[in-house]
């Protein structure tokens, strides 16, 4: 099935309670698949097309306040409309899953794939000092699995979790292994896991969920608590994959569809006797900075390949800290490079 379809089945199978969305290419199949499957008749999951992306994210905000597993999906221009709500959700410390299947931009751009939303998603997106966990799928199976994993991380940290996919992964078709379907949480399980949830007062002190703090000292305390949470994410939940890195003298760094193209480029380089490896960040936030730092003494240079003008490369350069050369190769506007094109750019860089 398509990656977008896998996202929908991942939501059903992980026991999601609510999906609120608005159609936009190249992710429209997410809601279309949910509507076709009608999970409200089987699991009780609510699926609702909102009147806009702004409405969608605020429905997620409201649903997340009740301790339910709520989510939405969109593509680049849509995520821009959701950014204020994302900041509110992060400030209120609520768990949810937000999917961005990236298209080329800026503006309305193209319905073809892109990775130009990296800065927006990894560095925050909305206003204020906040982060969301950002997972980057590189296969249809990842699209399915990351919905459940995203909810686990979101509830672990009381934080929004972003699944940042590109249009290639959303539209490509691969085999998928579905897992046993989980039941939605009962009200008792919600109260046990999320005592802050708004479930009706019922003889307990009232819960107040807000991101508003008019006193500077209170707002600063909130920010310090959030920053401590982000340091814990960076310590405990960095995820990445490595390909032929053990004996590598050079390294390509790529995520999403570019990591798949990069693996083939690595194989082609190896056939020419060039010892190249590949690092694929799975969490774009928290970023595998420590792993890049560890590998620097082994490498002669590193190169970031992206469907952008160069965004993730800045995090690579920060991790390398000037010790070895860092190159970049990117395409924009929906153009996707071939492995041979990547290899050619890489060979030119190392020479």
Foldseek 3Di string as FASTA:
>chain_A
DALLLLLLLLCQQLAAAEEEEADDPPNNVNLVNCVVVVCCVPQVHYYYYDPALLVRLVVQLVVQLQLGAYEYEDEDVSVLSCQQSQVWQQLLLTEYEYEYAYAFDDDVFDSFWFDACLCLQQCRVHDDRAHAWEFEDAASQCSSVVSNVSRVVCLVRSHYYYHYAISCRRGDDDDYDDDHGDHHDDSVVSCVSPVLHQDDCVPHDHHDGGSDDPDPVVNVVSVVVRVVSLVVCLVPPWDKDKFQLPQAQEEEEETHNVQVQQNVLCVVVVVVVHRYMYMYGRTSVVYVLVVLLVCLVSYQEYEYEGQHPDDSQVSSCVSNVPPHYYYYDHHGSNDDDHSVVVNVVVVVVVD
